[in-house]
Amino acid sequence: MRESWQRRSMSTTNENQLTSNIRIPFFTERDAEIAYNTLRVDKEPPRGGCVKTMFVEGSTLEVHFTAADAKKLRVAVNSFLDTVTLVVETIQQFGG
């Protein structure tokens, strides 16, 4: 994985929903696909109040979060990034 994660934005939508978009660059498309396939099975719980969508664009994993309040958005993003860290360390340890 490249040195840093890029956080694109955090904004409020017309429906008073907060959003956060994160771009995570990987060295290869294969590494991005491995991360995507690993992370996509971990759905946001319905009671969590946050919706997460992901897709791969080239060697970049892009993630979009939407939530009704800042706390739920923060918890979802932090939890996701903790999991991403573990996935990246596993890819680095065992190779992509």
PDB file of N, CA and C in Angstrom:
ATOM      1  N   MET A   1       0.835  -1.173   0.000  1.00  0.00           N
ATOM      2  CA  MET A   1       0.000   0.000   0.000  1.00  0.00           C
ATOM      3  C   MET A   1       0.877   1.231   0.000  1.00  0.00           C
ATOM      4  N   ARG A   2       0.422   2.276  -0.632  1.00  0.00           N
ATOM      5  CA  ARG A   2       1.153   3.527  -0.646  1.00  0.00           C
ATOM      6  C   ARG A   2       1.182   4.122   0.750  1.00  0.00           C
ATOM      7  N   GLU A   3       1.994   5.140   0.919  1.00  0.00           N
ATOM      8  CA  GLU A   3       2.248   5.711   2.229  1.00  0.00           C
ATOM      9  C   GLU A   3       1.017   6.222   2.968  1.00  0.00           C
ATOM     10  N   SER A   4       0.103   6.916   2.294  1.00  0.00           N
ATOM     11  CA  SER A   4      -0.975   7.551   3.041  1.00  0.00           C
ATOM     12  C   SER A   4      -2.338   7.252   2.454  1.00  0.00           C
ATOM     13  N   TRP A   5      -3.345   7.372   3.300  1.00  0.00           N
ATOM     14  CA  TRP A   5      -4.725   7.271   2.860  1.00  0.00           C
ATOM     15  C   TRP A   5      -5.175   8.671   2.550  1.00  0.00           C
ATOM     16  N   GLN A   6      -6.037   8.809   1.599  1.00  0.00           N
ATOM     17  CA  GLN A   6      -6.512  10.126   1.220  1.00  0.00           C
ATOM     18  C   GLN A   6      -7.978  10.243   1.574  1.00  0.00           C
ATOM     19  N   ARG A   7      -8.283  11.180   2.385  1.00  0.00           N
ATOM     20  CA  ARG A   7      -9.673  11.422   2.734  1.00  0.00           C
ATOM     21  C   ARG A   7     -10.174  12.532   1.835  1.00  0.00           C
ATOM     22  N   ARG A   8     -11.133  12.222   1.012  1.00  0.00           N
ATOM     23  CA  ARG A   8     -11.588  13.199   0.028  1.00  0.00           C
ATOM     24  C   ARG A   8     -12.460  14.279   0.629  1.00  0.00           C
ATOM     25  N   SER A   9     -13.454  13.913   1.400  1.00  0.00           N
ATOM     26  CA  SER A   9     -14.341  14.957   1.893  1.00  0.00           C
ATOM     27  C   SER A   9     -15.232  14.469   3.014  1.00  0.00           C
ATOM     28  N   MET A  10     -15.746  15.437   3.726  1.00  0.00           N
ATOM     29  CA  MET A  10     -16.819  15.198   4.679  1.00  0.00           C
ATOM     30  C   MET A  10     -17.783  16.356   4.505  1.00  0.00           C
ATOM     31  N   SER A  11     -19.013  16.062   4.199  1.00  0.00           N
ATOM     32  CA  SER A  11     -19.966  17.132   3.920  1.00  0.00           C
ATOM     33  C   SER A  11     -21.355  16.748   4.389  1.00  0.00           C
ATOM     34  N   THR A  12     -22.245  17.711   4.315  1.00  0.00           N
ATOM     35  CA  THR A  12     -23.641  17.485   4.653  1.00  0.00           C
ATOM     36  C   THR A  12     -24.445  17.482   3.366  1.00  0.00           C
ATOM     37  N   THR A  13     -25.310  16.486   3.200  1.00  0.00           N
ATOM     38  CA  THR A  13     -26.153  16.422   2.013  1.00  0.00           C
ATOM     39  C   THR A  13     -27.429  17.215   2.249  1.00  0.00           C
ATOM     40  N   ASN A  14     -28.263  17.303   1.239  1.00  0.00           N
ATOM     41  CA  ASN A  14     -29.517  18.053   1.328  1.00  0.00           C
ATOM     42  C   ASN A  14     -30.464  17.477   2.367  1.00  0.00           C
ATOM     43  N   GLU A  15     -30.350  16.219   2.671  1.00  0.00           N
ATOM     44  CA  GLU A  15     -31.269  15.568   3.599  1.00  0.00           C
ATOM     45  C   GLU A  15     -30.713  15.542   5.010  1.00  0.00           C
ATOM     46  N   ASN A  16     -29.824  16.482   5.341  1.00  0.00           N
ATOM     47  CA  ASN A  16     -29.183  16.557   6.658  1.00  0.00           C
ATOM     48  C   ASN A  16     -28.402  15.300   6.996  1.00  0.00           C
ATOM     49  N   GLN A  17     -27.865  14.655   5.988  1.00  0.00           N
ATOM     50  CA  GLN A  17     -27.015  13.485   6.176  1.00  0.00           C
ATOM     51  C   GLN A  17     -25.557  13.921   6.051  1.00  0.00           C
ATOM     52  N   LEU A  18     -24.720  13.420   6.927  1.00  0.00           N
ATOM     53  CA  LEU A  18     -23.290  13.670   6.828  1.00  0.00           C
ATOM     54  C   LEU A  18     -22.670  12.599   5.952  1.00  0.00           C
ATOM     55  N   THR A  19     -21.683  12.965   5.163  1.00  0.00           N
ATOM     56  CA  THR A  19     -20.998  11.991   4.323  1.00  0.00           C
ATOM     57  C   THR A  19     -19.495  12.123   4.496  1.00  0.00           C
ATOM     58  N   SER A  20     -18.823  11.019   4.264  1.00  0.00           N
ATOM     59  CA  SER A  20     -17.360  11.002   4.253  1.00  0.00           C
ATOM     60  C   SER A  20     -16.917  10.073   3.132  1.00  0.00           C
ATOM     61  N   ASN A  21     -16.005  10.556   2.305  1.00  0.00           N
ATOM     62  CA  ASN A  21     -15.472   9.777   1.200  1.00  0.00           C
ATOM     63  C   ASN A  21     -13.989   9.558   1.431  1.00  0.00           C
ATOM     64  N   ILE A  22     -13.563   8.307   1.349  1.00  0.00           N
ATOM     65  CA  ILE A  22     -12.172   7.965   1.608  1.00  0.00           C
ATOM     66  C   ILE A  22     -11.621   7.204   0.415  1.00  0.00           C
ATOM     67  N   ARG A  23     -10.426   7.568  -0.007  1.00  0.00           N
ATOM     68  CA  ARG A  23      -9.726   6.860  -1.086  1.00  0.00           C
ATOM     69  C   ARG A  23      -8.491   6.215  -0.474  1.00  0.00           C
ATOM     70  N   ILE A  24      -8.340   4.905  -0.660  1.00  0.00           N
ATOM     71  CA  ILE A  24      -7.201   4.169  -0.129  1.00  0.00           C
ATOM     72  C   ILE A  24      -6.416   3.603  -1.303  1.00  0.00           C
ATOM     73  N   PRO A  25      -5.238   4.183  -1.598  1.00  0.00           N
ATOM     74  CA  PRO A  25      -4.450   3.704  -2.731  1.00  0.00           C
ATOM     75  C   PRO A  25      -3.631   2.468  -2.360  1.00  0.00           C
ATOM     76  N   PHE A  26      -3.584   1.516  -3.272  1.00  0.00           N
ATOM     77  CA  PHE A  26      -2.757   0.321  -3.118  1.00  0.00           C
ATOM     78  C   PHE A  26      -1.713   0.316  -4.223  1.00  0.00           C
ATOM     79  N   PHE A  27      -0.683  -0.497  -4.070  1.00  0.00           N
ATOM     80  CA  PHE A  27       0.346  -0.579  -5.093  1.00  0.00           C
ATOM     81  C   PHE A  27      -0.173  -1.220  -6.379  1.00  0.00           C
ATOM     82  N   THR A  28      -1.060  -2.213  -6.224  1.00  0.00           N
ATOM     83  CA  THR A  28      -1.554  -2.920  -7.400  1.00  0.00           C
ATOM     84  C   THR A  28      -3.078  -3.019  -7.364  1.00  0.00           C
ATOM     85  N   GLU A  29      -3.663  -3.240  -8.537  1.00  0.00           N
ATOM     86  CA  GLU A  29      -5.103  -3.464  -8.618  1.00  0.00           C
ATOM     87  C   GLU A  29      -5.493  -4.731  -7.863  1.00  0.00           C
ATOM     88  N   ARG A  30      -4.629  -5.725  -7.928  1.00  0.00           N
ATOM     89  CA  ARG A  30      -4.913  -6.990  -7.239  1.00  0.00           C
ATOM     90  C   ARG A  30      -5.019  -6.788  -5.726  1.00  0.00           C
ATOM     91  N   ASP A  31      -4.108  -5.991  -5.148  1.00  0.00           N
ATOM     92  CA  ASP A  31      -4.178  -5.701  -3.712  1.00  0.00           C
ATOM     93  C   ASP A  31      -5.477  -4.960  -3.367  1.00  0.00           C
ATOM     94  N   ALA A  32      -5.880  -4.016  -4.215  1.00  0.00           N
ATOM     95  CA  ALA A  32      -7.128  -3.283  -3.985  1.00  0.00           C
ATOM     96  C   ALA A  32      -8.325  -4.231  -4.044  1.00  0.00           C
ATOM     97  N   GLU A  33      -8.308  -5.177  -4.989  1.00  0.00           N
ATOM     98  CA  GLU A  33      -9.395  -6.158  -5.102  1.00  0.00           C
ATOM     99  C   GLU A  33      -9.428  -7.095  -3.896  1.00  0.00           C
ATOM    100  N   ILE A  34      -8.255  -7.514  -3.428  1.00  0.00           N
ATOM    101  CA  ILE A  34      -8.197  -8.369  -2.239  1.00  0.00           C
ATOM    102  C   ILE A  34      -8.799  -7.633  -1.044  1.00  0.00           C
ATOM    103  N   ALA A  35      -8.416  -6.377  -0.859  1.00  0.00           N
ATOM    104  CA  ALA A  35      -8.957  -5.583   0.251  1.00  0.00           C
ATOM    105  C   ALA A  35     -10.465  -5.419   0.107  1.00  0.00           C
ATOM    106  N   TYR A  36     -10.925  -5.097  -1.097  1.00  0.00           N
ATOM    107  CA  TYR A  36     -12.354  -4.933  -1.339  1.00  0.00           C
ATOM    108  C   TYR A  36     -13.124  -6.213  -1.012  1.00  0.00           C
ATOM    109  N   ASN A  37     -12.655  -7.335  -1.529  1.00  0.00           N
ATOM    110  CA  ASN A  37     -13.347  -8.604  -1.296  1.00  0.00           C
ATOM    111  C   ASN A  37     -13.338  -9.012   0.166  1.00  0.00           C
ATOM    112  N   THR A  38     -12.326  -8.620   0.890  1.00  0.00           N
ATOM    113  CA  THR A  38     -12.258  -8.911   2.321  1.00  0.00           C
ATOM    114  C   THR A  38     -13.195  -8.002   3.108  1.00  0.00           C
ATOM    115  N   LEU A  39     -13.215  -6.723   2.764  1.00  0.00           N
ATOM    116  CA  LEU A  39     -13.977  -5.734   3.525  1.00  0.00           C
ATOM    117  C   LEU A  39     -15.466  -5.696   3.184  1.00  0.00           C
ATOM    118  N   ARG A  40     -15.834  -6.120   1.986  1.00  0.00           N
ATOM    119  CA  ARG A  40     -17.237  -5.995   1.582  1.00  0.00           C
ATOM    120  C   ARG A  40     -18.169  -6.920   2.356  1.00  0.00           C
ATOM    121  N   VAL A  41     -17.648  -7.970   2.936  1.00  0.00           N
ATOM    122  CA  VAL A  41     -18.510  -8.884   3.694  1.00  0.00           C
ATOM    123  C   VAL A  41     -18.899  -8.311   5.051  1.00  0.00           C
ATOM    124  N   ASP A  42     -18.195  -7.261   5.487  1.00  0.00           N
ATOM    125  CA  ASP A  42     -18.457  -6.644   6.792  1.00  0.00           C
ATOM    126  C   ASP A  42     -19.439  -5.492   6.612  1.00  0.00           C
ATOM    127  N   LYS A  43     -20.740  -5.810   6.584  1.00  0.00           N
ATOM    128  CA  LYS A  43     -21.783  -4.805   6.382  1.00  0.00           C
ATOM    129  C   LYS A  43     -21.963  -3.972   7.650  1.00  0.00           C
ATOM    130  N   GLU A  44     -22.424  -2.745   7.458  1.00  0.00           N
ATOM    131  CA  GLU A  44     -22.741  -1.893   8.601  1.00  0.00           C
ATOM    132  C   GLU A  44     -24.017  -2.428   9.252  1.00  0.00           C
ATOM    133  N   PRO A  45     -24.049  -2.508  10.584  1.00  0.00           N
ATOM    134  CA  PRO A  45     -25.270  -2.993  11.247  1.00  0.00           C
ATOM    135  C   PRO A  45     -26.409  -1.995  11.065  1.00  0.00           C
ATOM    136  N   PRO A  46     -27.640  -2.481  10.881  1.00  0.00           N
ATOM    137  CA  PRO A  46     -28.778  -1.578  10.666  1.00  0.00           C
ATOM    138  C   PRO A  46     -28.966  -0.581  11.809  1.00  0.00           C
ATOM    139  N   ARG A  47     -28.701  -1.005  13.020  1.00  0.00           N
ATOM    140  CA  ARG A  47     -28.856  -0.110  14.160  1.00  0.00           C
ATOM    141  C   ARG A  47     -27.748   0.925  14.233  1.00  0.00           C
ATOM    142  N   GLY A  48     -26.697   0.739  13.436  1.00  0.00           N
ATOM    143  CA  GLY A  48     -25.567   1.659  13.459  1.00  0.00           C
ATOM    144  C   GLY A  48     -25.875   3.014  12.859  1.00  0.00           C
ATOM    145  N   GLY A  49     -26.903   3.080  12.012  1.00  0.00           N
ATOM    146  CA  GLY A  49     -27.305   4.355  11.451  1.00  0.00           C
ATOM    147  C   GLY A  49     -26.359   4.910  10.402  1.00  0.00           C
ATOM    148  N   CYS A  50     -25.510   4.068   9.829  1.00  0.00           N
ATOM    149  CA  CYS A  50     -24.550   4.515   8.824  1.00  0.00           C
ATOM    150  C   CYS A  50     -24.613   3.568   7.624  1.00  0.00           C
ATOM    151  N   VAL A  51     -24.526   4.138   6.438  1.00  0.00           N
ATOM    152  CA  VAL A  51     -24.517   3.351   5.215  1.00  0.00           C
ATOM    153  C   VAL A  51     -23.134   3.474   4.587  1.00  0.00           C
ATOM    154  N   LYS A  52     -22.566   2.331   4.200  1.00  0.00           N
ATOM    155  CA  LYS A  52     -21.229   2.303   3.603  1.00  0.00           C
ATOM    156  C   LYS A  52     -21.329   1.690   2.213  1.00  0.00           C
ATOM    157  N   THR A  53     -20.738   2.350   1.223  1.00  0.00           N
ATOM    158  CA  THR A  53     -20.630   1.779  -0.110  1.00  0.00           C
ATOM    159  C   THR A  53     -19.164   1.823  -0.522  1.00  0.00           C
ATOM    160  N   MET A  54     -18.736   0.769  -1.231  1.00  0.00           N
ATOM    161  CA  MET A  54     -17.334   0.655  -1.641  1.00  0.00           C
ATOM    162  C   MET A  54     -17.256   0.246  -3.095  1.00  0.00           C
ATOM    163  N   PHE A  55     -16.169   0.665  -3.738  1.00  0.00           N
ATOM    164  CA  PHE A  55     -15.852   0.180  -5.070  1.00  0.00           C
ATOM    165  C   PHE A  55     -14.368   0.356  -5.319  1.00  0.00           C
ATOM    166  N   VAL A  56     -13.863  -0.359  -6.302  1.00  0.00           N
ATOM    167  CA  VAL A  56     -12.451  -0.285  -6.669  1.00  0.00           C
ATOM    168  C   VAL A  56     -12.339   0.449  -7.999  1.00  0.00           C
ATOM    169  N   GLU A  57     -11.453   1.403  -8.043  1.00  0.00           N
ATOM    170  CA  GLU A  57     -11.148   2.145  -9.267  1.00  0.00           C
ATOM    171  C   GLU A  57      -9.655   2.014  -9.501  1.00  0.00           C
ATOM    172  N   GLY A  58      -9.282   1.131 -10.422  1.00  0.00           N
ATOM    173  CA  GLY A  58      -7.851   0.877 -10.651  1.00  0.00           C
ATOM    174  C   GLY A  58      -7.237   0.231  -9.422  1.00  0.00           C
ATOM    175  N   SER A  59      -6.225   0.867  -8.884  1.00  0.00           N
ATOM    176  CA  SER A  59      -5.579   0.334  -7.676  1.00  0.00           C
ATOM    177  C   SER A  59      -6.009   1.096  -6.428  1.00  0.00           C
ATOM    178  N   THR A  60      -7.157   1.769  -6.492  1.00  0.00           N
ATOM    179  CA  THR A  60      -7.655   2.554  -5.363  1.00  0.00           C
ATOM    180  C   THR A  60      -8.993   2.011  -4.884  1.00  0.00           C
ATOM    181  N   LEU A  61      -9.100   1.816  -3.584  1.00  0.00           N
ATOM    182  CA  LEU A  61     -10.360   1.435  -2.954  1.00  0.00           C
ATOM    183  C   LEU A  61     -11.045   2.723  -2.521  1.00  0.00           C
ATOM    184  N   GLU A  62     -12.264   2.934  -2.990  1.00  0.00           N
ATOM    185  CA  GLU A  62     -13.013   4.134  -2.632  1.00  0.00           C
ATOM    186  C   GLU A  62     -14.199   3.734  -1.768  1.00  0.00           C
ATOM    187  N   VAL A  63     -14.379   4.471  -0.677  1.00  0.00           N
ATOM    188  CA  VAL A  63     -15.424   4.149   0.297  1.00  0.00           C
ATOM    189  C   VAL A  63     -16.231   5.406   0.585  1.00  0.00           C
ATOM    190  N   HIS A  64     -17.544   5.253   0.599  1.00  0.00           N
ATOM    191  CA  HIS A  64     -18.452   6.364   0.859  1.00  0.00           C
ATOM    192  C   HIS A  64     -19.317   6.002   2.065  1.00  0.00           C
ATOM    193  N   PHE A  65     -19.298   6.864   3.073  1.00  0.00           N
ATOM    194  CA  PHE A  65     -20.110   6.680   4.276  1.00  0.00           C
ATOM    195  C   PHE A  65     -21.162   7.779   4.337  1.00  0.00           C
ATOM    196  N   THR A  66     -22.370   7.419   4.790  1.00  0.00           N
ATOM    197  CA  THR A  66     -23.437   8.392   5.015  1.00  0.00           C
ATOM    198  C   THR A  66     -24.086   8.069   6.354  1.00  0.00           C
ATOM    199  N   ALA A  67     -24.286   9.111   7.182  1.00  0.00           N
ATOM    200  CA  ALA A  67     -24.910   8.903   8.490  1.00  0.00           C
ATOM    201  C   ALA A  67     -25.708  10.146   8.876  1.00  0.00           C
ATOM    202  N   ALA A  68     -26.628   9.959   9.802  1.00  0.00           N
ATOM    203  CA  ALA A  68     -27.480  11.056  10.250  1.00  0.00           C
ATOM    204  C   ALA A  68     -26.784  11.963  11.254  1.00  0.00           C
ATOM    205  N   ASP A  69     -25.830  11.435  12.001  1.00  0.00           N
ATOM    206  CA  ASP A  69     -25.124  12.302  12.947  1.00  0.00           C
ATOM    207  C   ASP A  69     -23.625  12.017  12.949  1.00  0.00           C
ATOM    208  N   ALA A  70     -22.882  12.986  13.443  1.00  0.00           N
ATOM    209  CA  ALA A  70     -21.424  12.942  13.386  1.00  0.00           C
ATOM    210  C   ALA A  70     -20.837  11.783  14.189  1.00  0.00           C
ATOM    211  N   LYS A  71     -21.428  11.466  15.327  1.00  0.00           N
ATOM    212  CA  LYS A  71     -20.895  10.387  16.158  1.00  0.00           C
ATOM    213  C   LYS A  71     -20.983   9.040  15.431  1.00  0.00           C
ATOM    214  N   LYS A  72     -22.119   8.762  14.821  1.00  0.00           N
ATOM    215  CA  LYS A  72     -22.279   7.493  14.104  1.00  0.00           C
ATOM    216  C   LYS A  72     -21.327   7.415  12.915  1.00  0.00           C
ATOM    217  N   LEU A  73     -21.138   8.532  12.237  1.00  0.00           N
ATOM    218  CA  LEU A  73     -20.209   8.565  11.112  1.00  0.00           C
ATOM    219  C   LEU A  73     -18.784   8.326  11.592  1.00  0.00           C
ATOM    220  N   ARG A  74     -18.397   8.995  12.655  1.00  0.00           N
ATOM    221  CA  ARG A  74     -17.047   8.837  13.211  1.00  0.00           C
ATOM    222  C   ARG A  74     -16.782   7.403  13.653  1.00  0.00           C
ATOM    223  N   VAL A  75     -17.726   6.798  14.342  1.00  0.00           N
ATOM    224  CA  VAL A  75     -17.561   5.420  14.815  1.00  0.00           C
ATOM    225  C   VAL A  75     -17.423   4.468  13.625  1.00  0.00           C
ATOM    226  N   ALA A  76     -18.247   4.645  12.601  1.00  0.00           N
ATOM    227  CA  ALA A  76     -18.197   3.771  11.426  1.00  0.00           C
ATOM    228  C   ALA A  76     -16.868   3.912  10.689  1.00  0.00           C
ATOM    229  N   VAL A  77     -16.414   5.148  10.493  1.00  0.00           N
ATOM    230  CA  VAL A  77     -15.155   5.380   9.782  1.00  0.00           C
ATOM    231  C   VAL A  77     -13.978   4.838  10.583  1.00  0.00           C
ATOM    232  N   ASN A  78     -13.949   5.094  11.889  1.00  0.00           N
ATOM    233  CA  ASN A  78     -12.849   4.588  12.725  1.00  0.00           C
ATOM    234  C   ASN A  78     -12.800   3.065  12.735  1.00  0.00           C
ATOM    235  N   SER A  79     -13.945   2.445  12.858  1.00  0.00           N
ATOM    236  CA  SER A  79     -14.002   0.981  12.856  1.00  0.00           C
ATOM    237  C   SER A  79     -13.518   0.431  11.516  1.00  0.00           C
ATOM    238  N   PHE A  80     -13.963   1.052  10.433  1.00  0.00           N
ATOM    239  CA  PHE A  80     -13.550   0.620   9.105  1.00  0.00           C
ATOM    240  C   PHE A  80     -12.038   0.751   8.930  1.00  0.00           C
ATOM    241  N   LEU A  81     -11.485   1.872   9.351  1.00  0.00           N
ATOM    242  CA  LEU A  81     -10.043   2.080   9.200  1.00  0.00           C
ATOM    243  C   LEU A  81      -9.228   1.108  10.049  1.00  0.00           C
ATOM    244  N   ASP A  82      -9.734   0.740  11.223  1.00  0.00           N
ATOM    245  CA  ASP A  82      -9.065  -0.298  12.019  1.00  0.00           C
ATOM    246  C   ASP A  82      -9.013  -1.610  11.245  1.00  0.00           C
ATOM    247  N   THR A  83     -10.122  -1.958  10.602  1.00  0.00           N
ATOM    248  CA  THR A  83     -10.174  -3.192   9.823  1.00  0.00           C
ATOM    249  C   THR A  83      -9.278  -3.103   8.594  1.00  0.00           C
ATOM    250  N   VAL A  84      -9.266  -1.945   7.938  1.00  0.00           N
ATOM    251  CA  VAL A  84      -8.390  -1.744   6.777  1.00  0.00           C
ATOM    252  C   VAL A  84      -6.928  -1.930   7.179  1.00  0.00           C
ATOM    253  N   THR A  85      -6.566  -1.415   8.322  1.00  0.00           N
ATOM    254  CA  THR A  85      -5.183  -1.564   8.803  1.00  0.00           C
ATOM    255  C   THR A  85      -4.816  -3.036   8.918  1.00  0.00           C
ATOM    256  N   LEU A  86      -5.697  -3.832   9.480  1.00  0.00           N
ATOM    257  CA  LEU A  86      -5.451  -5.267   9.611  1.00  0.00           C
ATOM    258  C   LEU A  86      -5.349  -5.940   8.239  1.00  0.00           C
ATOM    259  N   VAL A  87      -6.218  -5.583   7.317  1.00  0.00           N
ATOM    260  CA  VAL A  87      -6.188  -6.154   5.972  1.00  0.00           C
ATOM    261  C   VAL A  87      -4.871  -5.803   5.273  1.00  0.00           C
ATOM    262  N   VAL A  88      -4.459  -4.547   5.371  1.00  0.00           N
ATOM    263  CA  VAL A  88      -3.215  -4.112   4.727  1.00  0.00           C
ATOM    264  C   VAL A  88      -2.013  -4.834   5.327  1.00  0.00           C
ATOM    265  N   GLU A  89      -1.976  -4.966   6.648  1.00  0.00           N
ATOM    266  CA  GLU A  89      -0.873  -5.682   7.297  1.00  0.00           C
ATOM    267  C   GLU A  89      -0.843  -7.143   6.856  1.00  0.00           C
ATOM    268  N   THR A  90      -2.002  -7.740   6.690  1.00  0.00           N
ATOM    269  CA  THR A  90      -2.067  -9.136   6.226  1.00  0.00           C
ATOM    270  C   THR A  90      -1.567  -9.258   4.788  1.00  0.00           C
ATOM    271  N   ILE A  91      -1.982  -8.328   3.924  1.00  0.00           N
ATOM    272  CA  ILE A  91      -1.495  -8.332   2.538  1.00  0.00           C
ATOM    273  C   ILE A  91       0.012  -8.177   2.507  1.00  0.00           C
ATOM    274  N   GLN A  92       0.545  -7.283   3.327  1.00  0.00           N
ATOM    275  CA  GLN A  92       1.986  -7.068   3.362  1.00  0.00           C
ATOM    276  C   GLN A  92       2.732  -8.301   3.892  1.00  0.00           C
ATOM    277  N   GLN A  93       2.158  -8.960   4.881  1.00  0.00           N
ATOM    278  CA  GLN A  93       2.782 -10.127   5.495  1.00  0.00           C
ATOM    279  C   GLN A  93       2.809 -11.315   4.551  1.00  0.00           C
ATOM    280  N   PHE A  94       1.689 -11.577   3.864  1.00  0.00           N
ATOM    281  CA  PHE A  94       1.568 -12.771   3.048  1.00  0.00           C
ATOM    282  C   PHE A  94       1.613 -12.520   1.562  1.00  0.00           C
ATOM    283  N   GLY A  95       1.695 -11.257   1.178  1.00  0.00           N
ATOM    284  CA  GLY A  95       1.741 -10.911  -0.224  1.00  0.00           C
ATOM    285  C   GLY A  95       0.377 -10.943  -0.858  1.00  0.00           C
ATOM    286  N   GLY A  96       0.238 -10.180  -1.938  1.00  0.00           N
ATOM    287  CA  GLY A  96      -1.054 -10.097  -2.615  1.00  0.00           C
ATOM    288  C   GLY A  96      -1.072 -11.062  -3.701  1.00  0.00           C
TER     289      GLY A  96
END
